[in-house]
């Protein structure tokens, strides 16, 4: 009596070619860099090296929404920023406010999101005493964002024109807090904006 041996197919194993392994490694390293660089190149104090290295990665960071503000919650977050505004109304009165607004931005998530707006703008605006060449070079980066904020304010409050200032709030040292002392906030003008005549509400 003969026995039948079952037919078995040899197990096939897939191995990556050296070129495929190199490409996958490269992609993983690029993604890792895109995750690590944004916190290192965030608002001052930040590494100048990280700010230089991050430039080629910015399109990828924006596409994947990796530019998170981890520095806001770090042990040394740095000074906070807000945007003060003063608006001329059609009746001649003046309305003032700030972004974010602790009194009116509810729920708290809305306050946090508006806080991110002021911090984003602050990351592009040089100090008021920066060299003129630095301020001129930076203006095309921050002014479109500020114009967007001004347009939203004018549309919401139906104002004629609005003047904005960036406020860097003084961060006292522990010793100053104990003594009850505080310094002056740093004010940087952001300009005055109005809708064109044909767009006036």
C-alpha atoms as a PDB file:
ATOM      1  CA  UNK A   1       0.000   0.000   0.000  1.00  0.00           C
ATOM      2  CA  UNK A   2       1.453   3.249  -1.079  1.00  0.00           C
ATOM      3  CA  UNK A   3       1.221   6.501   0.906  1.00  0.00           C
ATOM      4  CA  UNK A   4       0.444   9.862  -0.559  1.00  0.00           C
ATOM      5  CA  UNK A   5       2.670  12.715   0.543  1.00  0.00           C
ATOM      6  CA  UNK A   6       0.741  15.992   0.651  1.00  0.00           C
ATOM      7  CA  UNK A   7       2.028  18.637  -1.705  1.00  0.00           C
ATOM      8  CA  UNK A   8       3.497  21.607   0.141  1.00  0.00           C
ATOM      9  CA  UNK A   9       4.401  24.964  -1.312  1.00  0.00           C
ATOM     10  CA  UNK A  10       7.617  26.485  -0.021  1.00  0.00           C
ATOM     11  CA  UNK A  11       7.023  29.551   2.149  1.00  0.00           C
ATOM     12  CA  UNK A  12       7.827  32.713   0.268  1.00  0.00           C
ATOM     13  CA  UNK A  13       9.456  35.520   2.187  1.00  0.00           C
ATOM     14  CA  UNK A  14       9.502  39.063   0.872  1.00  0.00           C
ATOM     15  CA  UNK A  15      12.723  40.940   1.371  1.00  0.00           C
ATOM     16  CA  UNK A  16      13.217  44.613   0.660  1.00  0.00           C
ATOM     17  CA  UNK A  17      15.844  45.614  -1.789  1.00  0.00           C
ATOM     18  CA  UNK A  18      18.625  47.881  -0.499  1.00  0.00           C
ATOM     19  CA  UNK A  19      17.128  50.763  -2.478  1.00  0.00           C
ATOM     20  CA  UNK A  20      13.674  50.241  -0.928  1.00  0.00           C
ATOM     21  CA  UNK A  21      15.147  50.050   2.579  1.00  0.00           C
ATOM     22  CA  UNK A  22      17.113  53.250   1.974  1.00  0.00           C
ATOM     23  CA  UNK A  23      13.995  55.049   0.689  1.00  0.00           C
ATOM     24  CA  UNK A  24      11.886  53.927   3.676  1.00  0.00           C
ATOM     25  CA  UNK A  25      14.610  54.956   6.106  1.00  0.00           C
ATOM     26  CA  UNK A  26      14.848  58.359   4.432  1.00  0.00           C
ATOM     27  CA  UNK A  27      11.075  58.910   4.665  1.00  0.00           C
ATOM     28  CA  UNK A  28      11.008  57.927   8.346  1.00  0.00           C
ATOM     29  CA  UNK A  29      13.878  60.313   9.120  1.00  0.00           C
ATOM     30  CA  UNK A  30      12.176  63.161   7.229  1.00  0.00           C
ATOM     31  CA  UNK A  31       8.927  62.600   9.161  1.00  0.00           C
ATOM     32  CA  UNK A  32      10.813  62.419  12.467  1.00  0.00           C
ATOM     33  CA  UNK A  33      12.544  65.707  11.673  1.00  0.00           C
ATOM     34  CA  UNK A  34       9.168  67.292  10.805  1.00  0.00           C
ATOM     35  CA  UNK A  35       7.833  66.259  14.234  1.00  0.00           C
ATOM     36  CA  UNK A  36      10.875  67.376  16.255  1.00  0.00           C
ATOM     37  CA  UNK A  37      11.792  70.667  14.555  1.00  0.00           C
ATOM     38  CA  UNK A  38       8.629  72.801  15.155  1.00  0.00           C
ATOM     39  CA  UNK A  39       8.979  72.924  18.967  1.00  0.00           C
ATOM     40  CA  UNK A  40      12.708  73.652  18.642  1.00  0.00           C
ATOM     41  CA  UNK A  41      12.125  76.462  16.127  1.00  0.00           C
ATOM     42  CA  UNK A  42       9.151  77.980  17.923  1.00  0.00           C
ATOM     43  CA  UNK A  43       8.813  81.519  19.279  1.00  0.00           C
ATOM     44  CA  UNK A  44      11.865  82.997  21.056  1.00  0.00           C
ATOM     45  CA  UNK A  45      13.833  81.814  22.872  1.00  0.00           C
ATOM     46  CA  UNK A  46      14.517  79.404  20.004  1.00  0.00           C
ATOM     47  CA  UNK A  47      17.579  77.902  18.395  1.00  0.00           C
ATOM     48  CA  UNK A  48      18.852  79.805  15.349  1.00  0.00           C
ATOM     49  CA  UNK A  49      20.129  76.488  13.990  1.00  0.00           C
ATOM     50  CA  UNK A  50      16.650  74.940  14.302  1.00  0.00           C
ATOM     51  CA  UNK A  51      15.109  77.989  12.568  1.00  0.00           C
ATOM     52  CA  UNK A  52      17.531  77.526   9.663  1.00  0.00           C
ATOM     53  CA  UNK A  53      17.119  73.747   9.421  1.00  0.00           C
ATOM     54  CA  UNK A  54      13.307  73.850   9.523  1.00  0.00           C
ATOM     55  CA  UNK A  55      12.896  75.989   6.371  1.00  0.00           C
ATOM     56  CA  UNK A  56      12.889  73.101   3.810  1.00  0.00           C
ATOM     57  CA  UNK A  57      10.455  71.169   6.037  1.00  0.00           C
ATOM     58  CA  UNK A  58       7.831  73.924   6.350  1.00  0.00           C
ATOM     59  CA  UNK A  59       5.628  72.727   3.414  1.00  0.00           C
ATOM     60  CA  UNK A  60       5.524  69.201   4.880  1.00  0.00           C
ATOM     61  CA  UNK A  61       4.889  70.520   8.407  1.00  0.00           C
ATOM     62  CA  UNK A  62       1.989  72.620   7.122  1.00  0.00           C
ATOM     63  CA  UNK A  63       0.559  69.779   5.020  1.00  0.00           C
ATOM     64  CA  UNK A  64       0.569  67.362   7.977  1.00  0.00           C
ATOM     65  CA  UNK A  65      -0.423  70.003  10.597  1.00  0.00           C
ATOM     66  CA  UNK A  66       2.641  69.290  12.703  1.00  0.00           C
ATOM     67  CA  UNK A  67       3.385  72.863  13.739  1.00  0.00           C
ATOM     68  CA  UNK A  68       1.924  72.503  17.220  1.00  0.00           C
ATOM     69  CA  UNK A  69       2.709  74.982  19.979  1.00  0.00           C
ATOM     70  CA  UNK A  70       4.300  72.654  22.489  1.00  0.00           C
ATOM     71  CA  UNK A  71       6.303  75.575  23.875  1.00  0.00           C
ATOM     72  CA  UNK A  72       3.115  77.081  25.359  1.00  0.00           C
ATOM     73  CA  UNK A  73       3.112  74.297  27.950  1.00  0.00           C
ATOM     74  CA  UNK A  74       6.854  73.882  28.463  1.00  0.00           C
ATOM     75  CA  UNK A  75       8.535  74.597  31.810  1.00  0.00           C
ATOM     76  CA  UNK A  76       9.912  77.865  30.350  1.00  0.00           C
ATOM     77  CA  UNK A  77       7.211  79.144  27.987  1.00  0.00           C
ATOM     78  CA  UNK A  78       8.436  82.751  27.703  1.00  0.00           C
ATOM     79  CA  UNK A  79       6.273  85.908  27.762  1.00  0.00           C
ATOM     80  CA  UNK A  80       2.712  85.850  26.487  1.00  0.00           C
ATOM     81  CA  UNK A  81       1.312  88.099  23.760  1.00  0.00           C
ATOM     82  CA  UNK A  82      -1.996  89.731  22.997  1.00  0.00           C
ATOM     83  CA  UNK A  83      -3.319  92.120  20.359  1.00  0.00           C
ATOM     84  CA  UNK A  84      -4.930  95.358  21.523  1.00  0.00           C
ATOM     85  CA  UNK A  85      -7.262  97.091  19.136  1.00  0.00           C
ATOM     86  CA  UNK A  86      -8.973 100.474  18.989  1.00  0.00           C
ATOM     87  CA  UNK A  87     -11.800 100.931  16.499  1.00  0.00           C
ATOM     88  CA  UNK A  88     -13.384 104.092  15.158  1.00  0.00           C
ATOM     89  CA  UNK A  89     -17.144 103.624  14.810  1.00  0.00           C
ATOM     90  CA  UNK A  90     -19.451 105.295  12.233  1.00  0.00           C
ATOM     91  CA  UNK A  91     -21.055 107.452  14.980  1.00  0.00           C
ATOM     92  CA  UNK A  92     -17.660 108.888  15.974  1.00  0.00           C
ATOM     93  CA  UNK A  93     -17.242 106.789  19.107  1.00  0.00           C
ATOM     94  CA  UNK A  94     -14.296 104.520  19.824  1.00  0.00           C
ATOM     95  CA  UNK A  95     -14.439 100.858  20.797  1.00  0.00           C
ATOM     96  CA  UNK A  96     -11.481  99.017  22.303  1.00  0.00           C
ATOM     97  CA  UNK A  97     -10.691  95.372  22.962  1.00  0.00           C
ATOM     98  CA  UNK A  98      -7.996  92.746  22.942  1.00  0.00           C
ATOM     99  CA  UNK A  99      -7.304  89.303  21.496  1.00  0.00           C
ATOM    100  CA  UNK A 100      -7.609  87.066  23.426  1.00  0.00           C
ATOM    101  CA  UNK A 101     -10.223  88.525  25.786  1.00  0.00           C
ATOM    102  CA  UNK A 102     -10.475  86.809  29.167  1.00  0.00           C
ATOM    103  CA  UNK A 103     -13.894  88.373  29.833  1.00  0.00           C
ATOM    104  CA  UNK A 104     -15.733  87.529  26.608  1.00  0.00           C
ATOM    105  CA  UNK A 105     -13.972  84.560  24.979  1.00  0.00           C
ATOM    106  CA  UNK A 106     -16.124  81.678  26.163  1.00  0.00           C
ATOM    107  CA  UNK A 107     -15.849  78.711  26.210  1.00  0.00           C
ATOM    108  CA  UNK A 108     -12.235  78.474  27.299  1.00  0.00           C
ATOM    109  CA  UNK A 109     -11.323  76.689  24.073  1.00  0.00           C
ATOM    110  CA  UNK A 110     -12.246  79.859  22.144  1.00  0.00           C
ATOM    111  CA  UNK A 111      -9.912  81.883  24.367  1.00  0.00           C
ATOM    112  CA  UNK A 112      -7.137  79.360  23.744  1.00  0.00           C
ATOM    113  CA  UNK A 113      -7.602  79.473  19.968  1.00  0.00           C
ATOM    114  CA  UNK A 114      -7.475  83.257  19.919  1.00  0.00           C
ATOM    115  CA  UNK A 115      -4.412  83.131  22.140  1.00  0.00           C
ATOM    116  CA  UNK A 116      -2.807  81.018  19.415  1.00  0.00           C
ATOM    117  CA  UNK A 117      -3.569  83.791  16.882  1.00  0.00           C
ATOM    118  CA  UNK A 118      -1.695  86.422  18.878  1.00  0.00           C
ATOM    119  CA  UNK A 119       1.206  84.048  19.511  1.00  0.00           C
ATOM    120  CA  UNK A 120       1.417  83.119  15.825  1.00  0.00           C
ATOM    121  CA  UNK A 121       1.603  86.766  14.792  1.00  0.00           C
ATOM    122  CA  UNK A 122       4.151  87.484  17.537  1.00  0.00           C
ATOM    123  CA  UNK A 123       6.418  84.769  16.140  1.00  0.00           C
ATOM    124  CA  UNK A 124       6.770  86.806  12.899  1.00  0.00           C
ATOM    125  CA  UNK A 125       6.949  90.377  14.247  1.00  0.00           C
ATOM    126  CA  UNK A 126      10.422  91.713  15.140  1.00  0.00           C
ATOM    127  CA  UNK A 127      10.910  93.836  18.249  1.00  0.00           C
ATOM    128  CA  UNK A 128      10.135  97.509  17.791  1.00  0.00           C
ATOM    129  CA  UNK A 129      13.833  98.394  18.246  1.00  0.00           C
ATOM    130  CA  UNK A 130      14.991  95.844  15.637  1.00  0.00           C
ATOM    131  CA  UNK A 131      17.029  97.219  12.704  1.00  0.00           C
ATOM    132  CA  UNK A 132      14.880  98.728   9.973  1.00  0.00           C
ATOM    133  CA  UNK A 133      16.096  96.192   7.414  1.00  0.00           C
ATOM    134  CA  UNK A 134      14.893  93.343   9.668  1.00  0.00           C
ATOM    135  CA  UNK A 135      11.475  94.962  10.138  1.00  0.00           C
ATOM    136  CA  UNK A 136      11.040  95.565   6.399  1.00  0.00           C
ATOM    137  CA  UNK A 137      12.006  91.987   5.579  1.00  0.00           C
ATOM    138  CA  UNK A 138       9.582  90.545   8.159  1.00  0.00           C
ATOM    139  CA  UNK A 139       6.543  92.697   7.235  1.00  0.00           C
ATOM    140  CA  UNK A 140       5.353  90.562   4.269  1.00  0.00           C
ATOM    141  CA  UNK A 141       5.202  87.554   6.606  1.00  0.00           C
ATOM    142  CA  UNK A 142       3.075  89.063   9.373  1.00  0.00           C
ATOM    143  CA  UNK A 143       1.010  91.767   7.657  1.00  0.00           C
ATOM    144  CA  UNK A 144      -1.364  89.406   5.759  1.00  0.00           C
ATOM    145  CA  UNK A 145      -2.232  87.736   9.089  1.00  0.00           C
ATOM    146  CA  UNK A 146      -2.823  91.100  10.762  1.00  0.00           C
ATOM    147  CA  UNK A 147      -4.968  92.281   7.846  1.00  0.00           C
ATOM    148  CA  UNK A 148      -7.094  89.168   8.272  1.00  0.00           C
ATOM    149  CA  UNK A 149      -7.588  89.915  11.978  1.00  0.00           C
ATOM    150  CA  UNK A 150      -8.409  93.567  11.223  1.00  0.00           C
ATOM    151  CA  UNK A 151     -10.942  92.542   8.569  1.00  0.00           C
ATOM    152  CA  UNK A 152     -12.698  90.170  10.961  1.00  0.00           C
ATOM    153  CA  UNK A 153     -12.883  92.851  13.658  1.00  0.00           C
ATOM    154  CA  UNK A 154     -14.237  95.478  11.269  1.00  0.00           C
ATOM    155  CA  UNK A 155     -16.857  93.103   9.882  1.00  0.00           C
ATOM    156  CA  UNK A 156     -17.951  91.887  13.326  1.00  0.00           C
ATOM    157  CA  UNK A 157     -18.233  95.330  14.953  1.00  0.00           C
ATOM    158  CA  UNK A 158     -19.134  97.254  11.772  1.00  0.00           C
ATOM    159  CA  UNK A 159     -16.379  99.779  12.374  1.00  0.00           C
ATOM    160  CA  UNK A 160     -14.742 102.260  10.016  1.00  0.00           C
ATOM    161  CA  UNK A 161     -11.095 101.646  10.848  1.00  0.00           C
ATOM    162  CA  UNK A 162      -9.115  99.758  13.446  1.00  0.00           C
ATOM    163  CA  UNK A 163      -5.632 100.243  14.901  1.00  0.00           C
ATOM    164  CA  UNK A 164      -3.787  97.208  16.267  1.00  0.00           C
ATOM    165  CA  UNK A 165      -0.850  96.814  18.624  1.00  0.00           C
ATOM    166  CA  UNK A 166       1.059  93.697  19.596  1.00  0.00           C
ATOM    167  CA  UNK A 167       1.623  93.508  23.343  1.00  0.00           C
ATOM    168  CA  UNK A 168       4.385  91.366  24.815  1.00  0.00           C
ATOM    169  CA  UNK A 169       3.465  91.017  28.473  1.00  0.00           C
ATOM    170  CA  UNK A 170       6.305  91.489  30.904  1.00  0.00           C
ATOM    171  CA  UNK A 171       7.306  88.230  32.568  1.00  0.00           C
ATOM    172  CA  UNK A 172       8.490  88.994  36.107  1.00  0.00           C
ATOM    173  CA  UNK A 173      11.170  86.954  37.816  1.00  0.00           C
ATOM    174  CA  UNK A 174      10.288  84.971  40.959  1.00  0.00           C
ATOM    175  CA  UNK A 175      12.057  87.642  43.028  1.00  0.00           C
ATOM    176  CA  UNK A 176       9.939  90.399  41.439  1.00  0.00           C
ATOM    177  CA  UNK A 177       6.760  88.438  42.137  1.00  0.00           C
ATOM    178  CA  UNK A 178       7.733  88.110  45.810  1.00  0.00           C
ATOM    179  CA  UNK A 179       8.402  91.863  46.020  1.00  0.00           C
ATOM    180  CA  UNK A 180       5.175  92.661  44.179  1.00  0.00           C
ATOM    181  CA  UNK A 181       7.038  94.329  41.313  1.00  0.00           C
ATOM    182  CA  UNK A 182       6.291  94.192  37.634  1.00  0.00           C
ATOM    183  CA  UNK A 183       7.866  95.696  34.538  1.00  0.00           C
ATOM    184  CA  UNK A 184       6.402  97.415  31.499  1.00  0.00           C
ATOM    185  CA  UNK A 185       4.853  95.535  28.607  1.00  0.00           C
ATOM    186  CA  UNK A 186       6.526  95.866  25.219  1.00  0.00           C
ATOM    187  CA  UNK A 187       4.233  97.493  22.624  1.00  0.00           C
ATOM    188  CA  UNK A 188       4.752  97.037  18.860  1.00  0.00           C
ATOM    189  CA  UNK A 189       2.422  98.950  16.475  1.00  0.00           C
ATOM    190  CA  UNK A 190       0.822  96.778  13.780  1.00  0.00           C
ATOM    191  CA  UNK A 191      -0.844  99.540  11.783  1.00  0.00           C
ATOM    192  CA  UNK A 192      -4.281 101.003  11.058  1.00  0.00           C
ATOM    193  CA  UNK A 193      -6.662  99.225   8.665  1.00  0.00           C
ATOM    194  CA  UNK A 194      -9.981  99.984   6.982  1.00  0.00           C
ATOM    195  CA  UNK A 195     -12.136  98.407   4.302  1.00  0.00           C
ATOM    196  CA  UNK A 196     -12.073  99.996   0.827  1.00  0.00           C
ATOM    197  CA  UNK A 197     -14.994 102.385   0.308  1.00  0.00           C
ATOM    198  CA  UNK A 198     -16.940  99.853  -1.780  1.00  0.00           C
ATOM    199  CA  UNK A 199     -16.727  97.273   1.023  1.00  0.00           C
ATOM    200  CA  UNK A 200     -17.793  99.494   3.905  1.00  0.00           C
ATOM    201  CA  UNK A 201     -20.694  97.904   5.814  1.00  0.00           C
END
